[in-house]
Amino acid sequence: IIKKGNGTLPTATDIVTLNYRGTFINGTIFDSSTERGMPVQIPVNRTISGLSEVLRLMDVGAKWQVFIPAALAYGNDGYKAAVLIPAGKALIYEIELVSIEE
């Protein structure tokens, strides 16, 4: 926990606004809303399972660094859309939960 929050916890069906930076174990950044200067809105239940679990434990205003094992990230398939994440990669996310949308 980098910073404790003081808001409510999101549920699996909520849409959240967050800032994040995703890196591989070697420190290489693969995606970062923080560097783009624009938070993102995502449905909690429509992201990788590791992030979905973490987001439901964070309250609004919290900032955490989390380590997501490959099995709870993209597994043995990897991800080849906007960002290339090779198969079998553990991921590190720094996440700030900005708000829960109604």
C-alpha atoms as a PDB file:
ATOM      1  CA  ILE A   1       0.000   0.000   0.000  1.00  0.00           C
ATOM      2  CA  ILE A   2       1.513   3.282  -1.125  1.00  0.00           C
ATOM      3  CA  LYS A   3      -1.395   5.436   0.047  1.00  0.00           C
ATOM      4  CA  LYS A   4      -4.503   4.507   1.989  1.00  0.00           C
ATOM      5  CA  GLY A   5      -7.859   5.550   0.629  1.00  0.00           C
ATOM      6  CA  ASN A   6     -10.907   6.708   2.511  1.00  0.00           C
ATOM      7  CA  GLY A   7     -13.776   5.940   0.207  1.00  0.00           C
ATOM      8  CA  THR A   8     -15.985   3.020  -0.637  1.00  0.00           C
ATOM      9  CA  LEU A   9     -14.987  -0.312  -2.178  1.00  0.00           C
ATOM     10  CA  PRO A  10     -16.054  -1.116  -5.744  1.00  0.00           C
ATOM     11  CA  THR A  11     -18.032  -4.240  -6.569  1.00  0.00           C
ATOM     12  CA  ALA A  12     -17.407  -6.577  -9.499  1.00  0.00           C
ATOM     13  CA  THR A  13     -20.110  -4.857 -11.565  1.00  0.00           C
ATOM     14  CA  ASP A  14     -18.920  -1.272 -10.952  1.00  0.00           C
ATOM     15  CA  ILE A  15     -17.044   0.895 -13.419  1.00  0.00           C
ATOM     16  CA  VAL A  16     -13.990   2.535 -11.871  1.00  0.00           C
ATOM     17  CA  THR A  17     -11.771   5.430 -12.855  1.00  0.00           C
ATOM     18  CA  LEU A  18      -8.113   4.805 -12.179  1.00  0.00           C
ATOM     19  CA  ASN A  19      -4.569   5.812 -12.941  1.00  0.00           C
ATOM     20  CA  TYR A  20      -2.143   2.969 -13.480  1.00  0.00           C
ATOM     21  CA  ARG A  21       1.304   2.016 -14.651  1.00  0.00           C
ATOM     22  CA  GLY A  22       1.956  -1.551 -15.766  1.00  0.00           C
ATOM     23  CA  THR A  23       5.464  -2.977 -15.909  1.00  0.00           C
ATOM     24  CA  PHE A  24       7.146  -6.292 -16.426  1.00  0.00           C
ATOM     25  CA  ILE A  25       9.325  -7.718 -13.637  1.00  0.00           C
ATOM     26  CA  ASN A  26      12.411  -6.167 -15.302  1.00  0.00           C
ATOM     27  CA  GLY A  27      10.884  -2.681 -14.939  1.00  0.00           C
ATOM     28  CA  THR A  28       9.926  -2.156 -18.594  1.00  0.00           C
ATOM     29  CA  ILE A  29       6.675  -0.188 -18.783  1.00  0.00           C
ATOM     30  CA  PHE A  30       4.130  -1.816 -21.105  1.00  0.00           C
ATOM     31  CA  ASP A  31       1.258   0.612 -20.494  1.00  0.00           C
ATOM     32  CA  SER A  32       0.632   3.692 -18.369  1.00  0.00           C
ATOM     33  CA  SER A  33      -2.389   5.951 -18.085  1.00  0.00           C
ATOM     34  CA  THR A  34      -0.277   8.030 -15.708  1.00  0.00           C
ATOM     35  CA  GLU A  35       2.263   8.802 -18.440  1.00  0.00           C
ATOM     36  CA  ARG A  36      -0.565   9.644 -20.861  1.00  0.00           C
ATOM     37  CA  GLY A  37      -1.925  12.053 -18.230  1.00  0.00           C
ATOM     38  CA  MET A  38      -5.404  10.610 -18.543  1.00  0.00           C
ATOM     39  CA  PRO A  39      -7.157   8.241 -16.122  1.00  0.00           C
ATOM     40  CA  VAL A  40      -9.115   5.339 -17.600  1.00  0.00           C
ATOM     41  CA  GLN A  41     -12.558   3.980 -16.868  1.00  0.00           C
ATOM     42  CA  ILE A  42     -12.928   0.213 -16.789  1.00  0.00           C
ATOM     43  CA  PRO A  43     -15.546  -2.246 -15.592  1.00  0.00           C
ATOM     44  CA  VAL A  44     -14.052  -4.129 -12.631  1.00  0.00           C
ATOM     45  CA  ASN A  45     -15.200  -7.497 -14.001  1.00  0.00           C
ATOM     46  CA  ARG A  46     -13.833  -6.838 -17.500  1.00  0.00           C
ATOM     47  CA  THR A  47     -10.142  -6.744 -16.724  1.00  0.00           C
ATOM     48  CA  ILE A  48      -7.655  -9.496 -15.941  1.00  0.00           C
ATOM     49  CA  SER A  49      -8.681 -11.553 -12.926  1.00  0.00           C
ATOM     50  CA  GLY A  50      -5.759 -10.396 -10.776  1.00  0.00           C
ATOM     51  CA  LEU A  51      -6.685  -6.729 -11.216  1.00  0.00           C
ATOM     52  CA  SER A  52     -10.373  -7.452 -10.727  1.00  0.00           C
ATOM     53  CA  GLU A  53      -9.585  -9.060  -7.361  1.00  0.00           C
ATOM     54  CA  VAL A  54      -7.309  -6.201  -6.280  1.00  0.00           C
ATOM     55  CA  LEU A  55      -9.707  -3.436  -7.293  1.00  0.00           C
ATOM     56  CA  ARG A  56     -12.466  -4.909  -5.101  1.00  0.00           C
ATOM     57  CA  LEU A  57     -10.125  -4.601  -2.087  1.00  0.00           C
ATOM     58  CA  MET A  58      -9.133  -0.967  -2.711  1.00  0.00           C
ATOM     59  CA  ASP A  59     -11.140   1.971  -1.481  1.00  0.00           C
ATOM     60  CA  VAL A  60     -11.416   5.252  -3.365  1.00  0.00           C
ATOM     61  CA  GLY A  61      -8.261   7.333  -3.018  1.00  0.00           C
ATOM     62  CA  ALA A  62      -5.993   4.330  -2.425  1.00  0.00           C
ATOM     63  CA  LYS A  63      -2.776   3.798  -4.341  1.00  0.00           C
ATOM     64  CA  TRP A  64      -1.223   0.330  -4.367  1.00  0.00           C
ATOM     65  CA  GLN A  65       1.595  -1.517  -6.058  1.00  0.00           C
ATOM     66  CA  VAL A  66       0.545  -5.088  -6.845  1.00  0.00           C
ATOM     67  CA  PHE A  67       2.256  -8.101  -8.337  1.00  0.00           C
ATOM     68  CA  ILE A  68       0.036 -10.204 -10.600  1.00  0.00           C
ATOM     69  CA  PRO A  69       1.220 -13.739 -11.387  1.00  0.00           C
ATOM     70  CA  ALA A  70       0.879 -14.848 -15.008  1.00  0.00           C
ATOM     71  CA  ALA A  71      -2.012 -17.199 -14.160  1.00  0.00           C
ATOM     72  CA  LEU A  72      -4.062 -14.185 -12.959  1.00  0.00           C
ATOM     73  CA  ALA A  73      -2.899 -11.967 -15.831  1.00  0.00           C
ATOM     74  CA  TYR A  74      -2.822 -13.223 -19.441  1.00  0.00           C
ATOM     75  CA  GLY A  75      -1.650 -16.767 -18.683  1.00  0.00           C
ATOM     76  CA  ASN A  76      -0.127 -18.858 -21.434  1.00  0.00           C
ATOM     77  CA  ASP A  77      -1.915 -16.944 -24.199  1.00  0.00           C
ATOM     78  CA  GLY A  78      -0.406 -13.501 -23.711  1.00  0.00           C
ATOM     79  CA  TYR A  79      -2.073 -10.374 -25.052  1.00  0.00           C
ATOM     80  CA  LYS A  80      -1.531  -9.069 -28.555  1.00  0.00           C
ATOM     81  CA  ALA A  81      -3.925  -6.160 -29.059  1.00  0.00           C
ATOM     82  CA  ALA A  82      -2.812  -2.573 -28.373  1.00  0.00           C
ATOM     83  CA  VAL A  83      -0.014  -3.736 -26.054  1.00  0.00           C
ATOM     84  CA  LEU A  84       2.147  -6.817 -26.529  1.00  0.00           C
ATOM     85  CA  ILE A  85       2.348  -8.895 -23.368  1.00  0.00           C
ATOM     86  CA  PRO A  86       4.130 -12.198 -23.972  1.00  0.00           C
ATOM     87  CA  ALA A  87       2.684 -15.444 -22.643  1.00  0.00           C
ATOM     88  CA  GLY A  88       3.611 -16.482 -19.121  1.00  0.00           C
ATOM     89  CA  LYS A  89       4.562 -13.006 -17.859  1.00  0.00           C
ATOM     90  CA  ALA A  90       3.972 -11.822 -14.308  1.00  0.00           C
ATOM     91  CA  LEU A  91       2.996  -8.155 -14.190  1.00  0.00           C
ATOM     92  CA  ILE A  92       3.456  -5.303 -11.740  1.00  0.00           C
ATOM     93  CA  TYR A  93       0.829  -2.581 -11.519  1.00  0.00           C
ATOM     94  CA  GLU A  94       0.833   0.676  -9.623  1.00  0.00           C
ATOM     95  CA  ILE A  95      -2.851   1.562  -9.321  1.00  0.00           C
ATOM     96  CA  GLU A  96      -4.611   4.634  -7.948  1.00  0.00           C
ATOM     97  CA  LEU A  97      -8.378   4.234  -7.559  1.00  0.00           C
ATOM     98  CA  VAL A  98      -9.767   7.691  -8.393  1.00  0.00           C
ATOM     99  CA  SER A  99     -13.502   7.044  -8.271  1.00  0.00           C
ATOM    100  CA  ILE A 100     -16.369   4.612  -8.704  1.00  0.00           C
ATOM    101  CA  GLU A 101     -18.843   5.604 -11.383  1.00  0.00           C
ATOM    102  CA  GLU A 102     -22.550   5.353 -10.765  1.00  0.00           C
END
